[in-house]
Amino acid sequence: MQIRFDPSALRQTKWHEYAVRFLLGGLITAVAGVIAKQFGPSLGGLFLAFPAIFPASATLIEKHEKQKKEKEGLQGIQRAREAASVDAAGSAMGSMGLFVFALLVWQFVPRHSALPVLTGATIAWLAVSVLFWLVRKRA
């Protein structure tokens, strides 16, 4: 499956689908806040790192791919699942980069200035995420 940016997909998404994404993302963030208040910021931060928009986007990707195939008179269940799995793989790769980001910030912010640490951690997040993507692409 070739990964590419298709801006026409923005027109295919209906306003209520965006609302679902924002609602789920906000709900997951609120739950992370409740967990942080109840059990402390370390545990709450782990839940906040959860890709908040992923559950909604995966279901919407599956729905749109299935609809595309059905318009062509085909069953799109397998294609829809493959598209959602590519999205899940991308989220996992980004999450691995986010883990590295969090680890670097946790280790270095207490002893160093925040801006250089955040800059370096952001670059590390990008590098790790791209590295995982390149490794997966070759597999």
Protein backbone atom coordinates (compact mmCIF):
# COMPACT_ATOMS: atom_id res chain seq x y z
CA MET A 1 0.00 0.00 0.00
CA GLN A 2 1.44 3.36 -1.04
CA ILE A 3 1.22 6.12 1.54
CA ARG A 4 0.39 9.50 0.08
CA PHE A 5 -1.34 12.77 0.95
CA ASP A 6 -4.69 13.25 -0.76
CA PRO A 7 -6.30 16.62 0.06
CA SER A 8 -9.52 15.56 -1.68
CA ALA A 9 -10.15 13.30 1.32
CA LEU A 10 -10.80 16.44 3.38
CA ARG A 11 -13.88 17.13 1.26
CA GLN A 12 -15.11 13.54 1.67
CA THR A 13 -15.20 13.80 5.45
CA LYS A 14 -18.46 15.16 6.81
CA TRP A 15 -18.64 17.71 9.63
CA HIS A 16 -20.09 15.21 12.09
CA GLU A 17 -17.13 12.89 11.52
CA TYR A 18 -14.80 15.71 12.54
CA ALA A 19 -17.02 16.29 15.58
CA VAL A 20 -16.67 12.63 16.57
CA ARG A 21 -12.88 12.88 16.29
CA PHE A 22 -12.73 16.00 18.45
CA LEU A 23 -15.20 14.58 20.97
CA LEU A 24 -13.27 11.33 21.38
CA GLY A 25 -9.96 13.17 21.53
CA GLY A 26 -11.30 15.52 24.19
CA LEU A 27 -12.85 12.65 26.13
CA ILE A 28 -9.59 10.69 26.17
CA THR A 29 -7.73 13.83 27.30
CA ALA A 30 -10.28 14.44 30.06
CA VAL A 31 -9.97 10.83 31.25
CA ALA A 32 -6.18 11.28 31.37
CA GLY A 33 -6.72 14.40 33.50
CA VAL A 34 -8.96 12.49 35.93
CA ILE A 35 -6.37 9.70 36.14
CA ALA A 36 -3.63 12.29 36.79
CA LYS A 37 -5.68 13.91 39.54
CA GLN A 38 -6.46 10.55 41.16
CA PHE A 39 -3.14 8.71 40.73
CA GLY A 40 -0.58 11.43 40.01
CA PRO A 41 0.88 13.13 36.95
CA SER A 42 3.23 10.29 36.01
CA LEU A 43 0.41 7.82 35.40
CA GLY A 44 -1.85 10.50 33.93
CA GLY A 45 0.89 11.47 31.48
CA LEU A 46 1.07 7.91 30.20
CA PHE A 47 -2.62 8.00 29.36
CA LEU A 48 -2.32 11.48 27.87
CA ALA A 49 0.32 10.12 25.50
CA PHE A 50 -2.32 7.81 24.02
CA PRO A 51 -3.00 8.94 20.47
CA ALA A 52 -6.31 10.56 21.36
CA ILE A 53 -7.64 10.80 17.83
CA PHE A 54 -6.63 7.28 16.74
CA PRO A 55 -9.80 5.35 17.68
CA ALA A 56 -12.01 7.75 15.74
CA SER A 57 -9.69 8.04 12.75
CA ALA A 58 -9.25 4.27 12.41
CA THR A 59 -12.99 3.67 12.31
CA LEU A 60 -13.53 6.54 9.87
CA ILE A 61 -10.75 5.32 7.57
CA GLU A 62 -12.30 1.86 7.56
CA LYS A 63 -15.74 3.30 6.80
CA HIS A 64 -14.51 5.50 3.93
CA GLU A 65 -12.46 2.75 2.28
CA LYS A 66 -15.38 0.35 2.48
CA GLN A 67 -17.70 2.96 0.93
CA LYS A 68 -15.25 3.58 -1.93
CA LYS A 69 -15.16 -0.10 -2.85
CA GLU A 70 -18.93 -0.51 -2.52
CA LYS A 71 -19.44 2.37 -4.99
CA GLU A 72 -17.45 0.29 -7.48
CA GLY A 73 -19.69 -2.71 -6.79
CA LEU A 74 -17.08 -4.55 -4.72
CA GLN A 75 -16.94 -5.63 -1.14
CA GLY A 76 -14.41 -3.42 0.57
CA ILE A 77 -14.10 -5.11 3.93
CA GLN A 78 -10.56 -6.41 3.38
CA ARG A 79 -9.32 -3.15 1.84
CA ALA A 80 -10.90 -1.16 4.68
CA ARG A 81 -9.18 -3.31 7.29
CA GLU A 82 -5.85 -2.95 5.51
CA ALA A 83 -6.19 0.84 5.39
CA ALA A 84 -7.06 0.98 9.10
CA SER A 85 -4.11 -1.29 9.88
CA VAL A 86 -1.73 1.05 8.03
CA ASP A 87 -3.10 3.90 10.14
CA ALA A 88 -2.57 1.80 13.29
CA ALA A 89 1.00 1.02 12.26
CA GLY A 90 1.67 4.71 11.74
CA SER A 91 0.25 5.50 15.16
CA ALA A 92 2.45 2.85 16.72
CA MET A 93 5.55 4.28 15.03
CA GLY A 94 4.66 7.78 16.18
CA SER A 95 4.05 6.46 19.69
CA MET A 96 7.51 4.92 19.78
CA GLY A 97 8.93 8.30 18.86
CA LEU A 98 6.74 9.90 21.53
CA PHE A 99 8.14 7.48 24.10
CA VAL A 100 11.67 8.60 23.23
CA PHE A 101 10.54 12.24 23.45
CA ALA A 102 9.05 11.68 26.92
CA LEU A 103 12.09 9.78 28.13
CA LEU A 104 14.46 12.55 27.05
CA VAL A 105 12.34 15.30 28.56
CA TRP A 106 11.95 13.35 31.82
CA GLN A 107 15.70 12.78 32.09
CA PHE A 108 17.03 16.18 31.02
CA VAL A 109 14.52 18.93 31.92
CA PRO A 110 15.24 18.79 35.66
CA ARG A 111 18.94 19.55 35.07
CA HIS A 112 18.89 21.67 31.88
CA SER A 113 17.04 24.54 30.26
CA ALA A 114 13.65 23.45 28.89
CA LEU A 115 13.85 24.93 25.37
CA PRO A 116 16.98 23.08 24.19
CA VAL A 117 15.73 19.84 25.77
CA LEU A 118 12.33 20.17 24.07
CA THR A 119 14.00 20.98 20.76
CA GLY A 120 16.31 17.98 20.98
CA ALA A 121 13.50 15.69 22.16
CA THR A 122 11.30 16.81 19.23
CA ILE A 123 14.09 16.08 16.76
CA ALA A 124 14.59 12.67 18.43
CA TRP A 125 10.84 11.96 18.19
CA LEU A 126 10.90 12.73 14.47
CA ALA A 127 14.07 10.70 13.86
CA VAL A 128 12.79 7.64 15.73
CA SER A 129 9.40 7.77 14.02
CA VAL A 130 10.94 8.09 10.55
CA LEU A 131 13.46 5.35 11.34
CA PHE A 132 10.67 2.93 12.29
CA TRP A 133 8.77 3.91 9.14
CA LEU A 134 11.84 3.23 6.96
CA VAL A 135 12.47 -0.13 8.65
CA ARG A 136 8.83 -1.15 8.17
CA LYS A 137 8.87 0.02 4.55
CA ARG A 138 11.84 -2.26 3.78
CA ALA A 139 10.26 -5.28 5.51
